[in-house]
Amino acid sequence: MKSIKTFKKHFPVKKYGQNFLINKEIIKNIVKKINPNIEQTLVEIGPGLAALTEPISQLLKELIVIEIDCNLLYFLKKQPFYSKLIVFCQDALNFNYTNLFYKKNKLIRIFGNLPYNISTSLIIFLFQHIRVIQDMNFMLQKEVAARLIALPGNKYYGRLSIISQYYCDIKILLNVAPEDFWPIPRVHSIFVNLTPHHNSPYFVYDINILSLITNKAFQNRRKILRHSLKNLFSETTLLNLDINPRLRAENISVFQYCQLANYLYKKNYTKKN
């Protein structure tokens, strides 16, 4: 395992939001939580200085890594485990994970210590490829993790909570302190697992309609639904769906948002036909 001196030779690039994991015990725990199997297809987003790349590659025939920073790729090329890596110098937000599934003919497992400045956008992007993903294990800013698992009535409950819980079962795996990184971030971190539902408790005909409704509902989360969704649903419609029009967006469950999305889909479908 590399020393802190090794890490400090490589200055983090601010625009990439780089904070390198340095706590050896945390690294061991993360590898244990991921529990890679030699026959699985694993993809690491942002290998950085290989804190996770090195131990996980030792457990696999090959490890796919996506890294946008060319300097870090040059660092990886000098490592003894580089021969096990399949490297993509690419933005993870533009990568075609579905194509990778077809090449390998296996569901893919994705993990990484995500840059905080892209973590939310990346998770939403990955949901577009959810059919080819076995699970995702990510280091996230504590507040982002709180938003993922938040329930109705919680201050962190919002669009990210609803869309994430629609797609996945989400579990907190580890709490990670700022001192476990270099440079030390100003926030605490949490390592989480997102596993796509095998038998989903939710269903919508069109995820774009669910996205539209949650967007309007949370644009001003202090407004009651009668006002925030007035252009989509009448008060009578909300009542008929057993949804209190005087409640705010943060008080409506994922299931109820799915109800709203399906009602709107059927209404629009009826109009077209």
Protein backbone atom coordinates (compact mmCIF):
# COMPACT_ATOMS: atom_id res chain seq x y z
CA MET A 1 0.00 0.00 0.00
CA LYS A 2 1.31 3.44 -0.90
CA SER A 3 2.56 5.88 1.74
CA ILE A 4 1.22 9.38 2.29
CA LYS A 5 4.38 10.66 0.56
CA THR A 6 3.32 8.89 -2.62
CA PHE A 7 -0.04 10.62 -2.52
CA LYS A 8 1.47 14.04 -1.90
CA LYS A 9 3.62 13.75 -5.03
CA HIS A 10 0.42 13.94 -7.06
CA PHE A 11 -1.41 17.20 -6.66
CA PRO A 12 -5.18 16.80 -6.90
CA VAL A 13 -6.89 18.64 -9.74
CA LYS A 14 -9.57 20.89 -8.29
CA LYS A 15 -11.88 20.71 -11.32
CA TYR A 16 -12.02 16.92 -10.96
CA GLY A 17 -12.89 17.11 -7.25
CA GLN A 18 -10.08 14.73 -6.29
CA ASN A 19 -9.63 13.54 -2.69
CA PHE A 20 -7.54 10.39 -2.39
CA LEU A 21 -8.44 7.69 0.12
CA ILE A 22 -5.46 6.95 2.42
CA ASN A 23 -6.78 5.07 5.47
CA LYS A 24 -5.60 1.46 5.07
CA GLU A 25 -8.25 0.01 7.38
CA ILE A 26 -11.06 1.82 5.57
CA ILE A 27 -9.67 0.57 2.26
CA LYS A 28 -9.66 -3.02 3.56
CA ASN A 29 -13.23 -2.64 4.80
CA ILE A 30 -14.39 -1.25 1.47
CA VAL A 31 -12.83 -4.13 -0.46
CA LYS A 32 -14.50 -6.55 1.95
CA LYS A 33 -17.88 -4.82 1.50
CA ILE A 34 -17.59 -4.92 -2.29
CA ASN A 35 -16.54 -8.58 -2.09
CA PRO A 36 -15.44 -8.96 -5.72
CA ASN A 37 -15.68 -12.36 -7.38
CA ILE A 38 -13.11 -13.42 -9.96
CA GLU A 39 -15.82 -14.18 -12.54
CA GLN A 40 -17.54 -10.81 -12.21
CA THR A 41 -17.14 -7.72 -14.39
CA LEU A 42 -16.12 -4.81 -12.19
CA VAL A 43 -15.79 -1.19 -13.29
CA GLU A 44 -14.03 1.42 -11.18
CA ILE A 45 -14.88 5.06 -11.75
CA GLY A 46 -11.97 7.34 -10.93
CA PRO A 47 -9.20 4.98 -9.76
CA GLY A 48 -7.11 7.97 -8.72
CA LEU A 49 -3.90 6.72 -7.07
CA ALA A 50 -5.17 3.13 -6.96
CA ALA A 51 -6.10 2.90 -3.26
CA LEU A 52 -8.96 0.55 -4.25
CA THR A 53 -7.68 -0.42 -7.69
CA GLU A 54 -4.64 -2.28 -6.41
CA PRO A 55 -6.30 -4.60 -3.84
CA ILE A 56 -9.37 -5.25 -5.99
CA SER A 57 -7.36 -6.02 -9.15
CA GLN A 58 -5.53 -8.70 -7.16
CA LEU A 59 -8.85 -10.52 -6.72
CA LEU A 60 -9.85 -10.41 -10.39
CA LYS A 61 -8.70 -11.58 -13.81
CA GLU A 62 -9.19 -8.04 -15.07
CA LEU A 63 -10.53 -4.72 -13.80
CA ILE A 64 -12.05 -2.03 -15.99
CA VAL A 65 -11.20 1.54 -14.94
CA ILE A 66 -12.51 4.87 -16.18
CA GLU A 67 -10.26 7.85 -15.47
CA ILE A 68 -10.44 11.33 -17.00
CA ASP A 69 -7.14 12.62 -15.58
CA CYS A 70 -4.29 11.68 -17.94
CA ASN A 71 -1.67 12.29 -15.25
CA LEU A 72 -3.25 9.64 -13.06
CA LEU A 73 -3.36 7.21 -15.98
CA TYR A 74 0.38 7.75 -16.41
CA PHE A 75 0.78 6.88 -12.72
CA LEU A 76 -1.26 3.69 -13.19
CA LYS A 77 0.86 2.59 -16.14
CA LYS A 78 3.90 2.39 -13.85
CA GLN A 79 2.19 0.06 -11.36
CA PRO A 80 2.90 -3.70 -11.30
CA PHE A 81 -0.82 -4.54 -11.52
CA TYR A 82 -1.39 -2.43 -14.66
CA SER A 83 -1.48 -5.54 -16.88
CA LYS A 84 -4.76 -6.50 -15.21
CA LEU A 85 -6.43 -3.20 -16.07
CA ILE A 86 -8.60 -2.33 -19.05
CA VAL A 87 -8.30 1.44 -19.13
CA PHE A 88 -10.67 4.03 -20.57
CA CYS A 89 -9.45 7.62 -20.55
CA GLN A 90 -12.93 9.06 -20.60
CA ASP A 91 -15.52 11.07 -18.72
CA ALA A 92 -17.65 8.63 -16.70
CA LEU A 93 -20.67 10.81 -17.50
CA ASN A 94 -20.31 9.94 -21.20
CA PHE A 95 -19.34 6.29 -20.93
CA ASN A 96 -21.59 3.65 -22.52
CA TYR A 97 -22.03 1.07 -19.75
CA THR A 98 -24.63 -0.82 -21.76
CA ASN A 99 -22.14 -1.51 -24.56
CA LEU A 100 -19.76 -2.91 -21.97
CA PHE A 101 -22.45 -5.32 -20.82
CA TYR A 102 -22.92 -6.62 -24.37
CA LYS A 103 -19.16 -7.06 -24.82
CA LYS A 104 -18.81 -9.03 -21.59
CA ASN A 105 -22.24 -10.66 -21.64
CA LYS A 106 -22.44 -10.13 -17.86
CA LEU A 107 -24.10 -7.69 -15.53
CA ILE A 108 -21.54 -5.13 -14.40
CA ARG A 109 -20.60 -4.03 -10.89
CA ILE A 110 -19.57 -0.39 -10.57
CA PHE A 111 -17.62 1.14 -7.71
CA GLY A 112 -15.54 4.18 -6.89
CA ASN A 113 -14.56 7.03 -4.65
CA LEU A 114 -16.64 9.52 -6.62
CA PRO A 115 -15.69 13.17 -7.06
CA TYR A 116 -18.29 15.05 -5.03
CA ASN A 117 -18.90 17.57 -7.79
CA ILE A 118 -20.31 14.93 -10.17
CA SER A 119 -21.69 12.25 -7.83
CA THR A 120 -25.38 13.18 -8.11
CA SER A 121 -25.24 13.67 -11.89
CA LEU A 122 -23.37 10.39 -12.30
CA ILE A 123 -25.84 8.36 -10.25
CA ILE A 124 -28.76 9.78 -12.25
CA PHE A 125 -26.87 8.99 -15.48
CA LEU A 126 -26.19 5.42 -14.36
CA PHE A 127 -29.92 4.85 -13.82
CA GLN A 128 -30.23 5.06 -17.62
CA HIS A 129 -28.14 1.87 -17.74
CA ILE A 130 -29.78 0.18 -14.75
CA ARG A 131 -30.78 -2.95 -16.71
CA VAL A 132 -27.13 -3.96 -17.14
CA ILE A 133 -25.94 -3.15 -13.60
CA GLN A 134 -25.68 -5.75 -10.83
CA ASP A 135 -24.87 -3.21 -8.14
CA MET A 136 -23.04 0.06 -7.41
CA ASN A 137 -20.79 0.83 -4.44
CA PHE A 138 -19.79 4.45 -4.05
CA MET A 139 -18.04 6.80 -1.66
CA LEU A 140 -20.27 9.85 -1.41
CA GLN A 141 -20.51 13.09 0.48
CA LYS A 142 -22.56 12.44 3.63
CA GLU A 143 -25.30 14.84 2.54
CA VAL A 144 -25.70 13.09 -0.83
CA ALA A 145 -25.99 9.71 0.91
CA ALA A 146 -28.60 11.21 3.25
CA ARG A 147 -30.60 12.37 0.25
CA LEU A 148 -30.46 8.90 -1.32
CA ILE A 149 -32.01 7.14 1.68
CA ALA A 150 -34.28 9.92 3.00
CA LEU A 151 -37.94 9.11 3.68
CA PRO A 152 -40.96 11.42 3.39
CA GLY A 153 -40.91 14.14 6.04
CA ASN A 154 -37.12 14.20 6.26
CA LYS A 155 -35.39 17.46 5.31
CA TYR A 156 -33.17 15.58 2.83
CA TYR A 157 -36.10 13.92 1.04
CA GLY A 158 -36.38 15.13 -2.54
CA ARG A 159 -36.16 14.23 -6.21
CA LEU A 160 -32.92 12.28 -5.77
CA SER A 161 -34.50 10.21 -2.98
CA ILE A 162 -37.53 9.35 -5.09
CA ILE A 163 -35.73 8.48 -8.33
CA SER A 164 -33.00 6.52 -6.52
CA GLN A 165 -35.44 4.54 -4.39
CA TYR A 166 -37.57 3.86 -7.46
CA TYR A 167 -34.61 2.11 -9.07
CA CYS A 168 -32.63 0.69 -6.17
CA ASP A 169 -32.46 -0.69 -2.68
CA ILE A 170 -29.90 1.52 -0.91
CA LYS A 171 -27.76 0.64 2.10
CA ILE A 172 -25.24 2.59 4.16
CA LEU A 173 -22.06 0.48 4.44
CA LEU A 174 -19.43 2.66 6.11
CA ASN A 175 -19.01 6.11 7.64
CA VAL A 176 -15.73 7.71 6.60
CA ALA A 177 -14.05 10.68 8.31
CA PRO A 178 -12.42 13.61 6.48
CA GLU A 179 -9.03 12.57 7.89
CA ASP A 180 -9.22 9.34 5.89
CA PHE A 181 -8.53 11.33 2.70
CA TRP A 182 -5.79 13.51 1.28
CA PRO A 183 -6.29 16.36 0.87
CA ILE A 184 -8.70 16.47 3.81
CA PRO A 185 -12.18 17.48 2.57
CA ARG A 186 -14.46 19.75 4.55
CA VAL A 187 -17.21 17.13 4.66
CA HIS A 188 -17.76 13.64 6.05
CA SER A 189 -18.27 10.77 3.64
CA ILE A 190 -20.34 7.62 3.48
CA PHE A 191 -19.78 4.44 1.47
CA VAL A 192 -23.09 3.19 0.09
CA ASN A 193 -24.45 0.26 -1.89
CA LEU A 194 -27.16 0.68 -4.53
CA THR A 195 -28.64 -2.59 -5.77
CA PRO A 196 -31.32 -2.49 -8.50
CA HIS A 197 -34.64 -3.94 -7.34
CA HIS A 198 -35.14 -7.55 -8.41
CA ASN A 199 -38.85 -7.32 -7.68
CA SER A 200 -39.53 -3.63 -7.63
CA PRO A 201 -42.18 -2.31 -5.23
CA TYR A 202 -42.78 0.52 -7.71
CA PHE A 203 -43.92 0.80 -11.31
CA VAL A 204 -44.34 3.67 -13.73
CA TYR A 205 -45.20 3.53 -17.41
CA ASP A 206 -42.83 6.40 -18.20
CA ILE A 207 -39.94 7.44 -15.94
CA ASN A 208 -39.80 10.81 -17.71
CA ILE A 209 -43.26 11.65 -16.38
CA LEU A 210 -42.16 10.76 -12.84
CA SER A 211 -39.15 13.03 -13.32
CA LEU A 212 -41.38 15.86 -14.59
CA ILE A 213 -43.77 15.62 -11.63
CA THR A 214 -41.04 15.49 -8.99
CA ASN A 215 -39.28 18.41 -10.65
CA LYS A 216 -42.39 20.57 -10.47
CA ALA A 217 -43.24 19.44 -6.96
CA PHE A 218 -39.80 20.26 -5.55
CA GLN A 219 -39.11 23.46 -7.47
CA ASN A 220 -40.57 25.20 -4.45
CA ARG A 221 -40.78 22.56 -1.77
CA ARG A 222 -42.60 24.88 0.64
CA LYS A 223 -45.64 25.09 -1.65
CA ILE A 224 -48.51 22.68 -1.11
CA LEU A 225 -49.31 20.27 -3.94
CA ARG A 226 -52.52 22.08 -4.84
CA HIS A 227 -50.30 24.97 -5.96
CA SER A 228 -47.08 23.32 -7.11
CA LEU A 229 -48.86 20.73 -9.30
CA LYS A 230 -51.86 22.81 -10.31
CA ASN A 231 -50.88 22.72 -14.00
CA LEU A 232 -50.87 18.91 -13.96
CA PHE A 233 -53.56 17.84 -11.48
CA SER A 234 -56.76 19.33 -10.18
CA GLU A 235 -57.48 19.25 -6.47
CA THR A 236 -60.26 16.75 -7.16
CA THR A 237 -57.86 14.44 -8.98
CA LEU A 238 -55.43 14.51 -6.07
CA LEU A 239 -58.23 13.65 -3.66
CA ASN A 240 -59.43 10.82 -5.91
CA LEU A 241 -55.90 9.41 -5.80
CA ASP A 242 -56.03 9.60 -2.01
CA ILE A 243 -53.35 12.31 -1.95
CA ASN A 244 -53.92 15.28 0.32
CA PRO A 245 -53.59 18.43 -1.88
CA ARG A 246 -52.57 20.46 1.17
CA LEU A 247 -49.45 18.42 1.76
CA ARG A 248 -46.03 19.57 0.56
CA ALA A 249 -43.80 17.71 -1.89
CA GLU A 250 -41.65 16.34 0.93
CA ASN A 251 -44.64 14.55 2.50
CA ILE A 252 -45.55 12.41 -0.53
CA SER A 253 -44.21 8.85 -0.75
CA VAL A 254 -42.42 7.27 -3.71
CA PHE A 255 -45.47 5.07 -4.28
CA GLN A 256 -47.76 8.12 -4.39
CA TYR A 257 -45.50 9.89 -6.90
CA CYS A 258 -45.67 6.75 -9.04
CA GLN A 259 -49.46 6.90 -8.79
CA LEU A 260 -49.41 10.48 -10.05
CA ALA A 261 -47.07 9.57 -12.92
CA ASN A 262 -49.25 6.67 -14.03
CA TYR A 263 -52.42 8.74 -13.84
CA LEU A 264 -50.85 11.39 -16.08
CA TYR A 265 -49.57 8.76 -18.50
CA LYS A 266 -53.02 7.17 -18.86
CA LYS A 267 -54.66 10.58 -19.24
CA ASN A 268 -52.28 11.56 -22.03
CA TYR A 269 -52.55 8.13 -23.68
CA THR A 270 -56.35 8.41 -23.71
CA LYS A 271 -56.14 11.83 -25.35
CA LYS A 272 -53.85 10.54 -28.10
CA ASN A 273 -56.15 7.61 -28.84
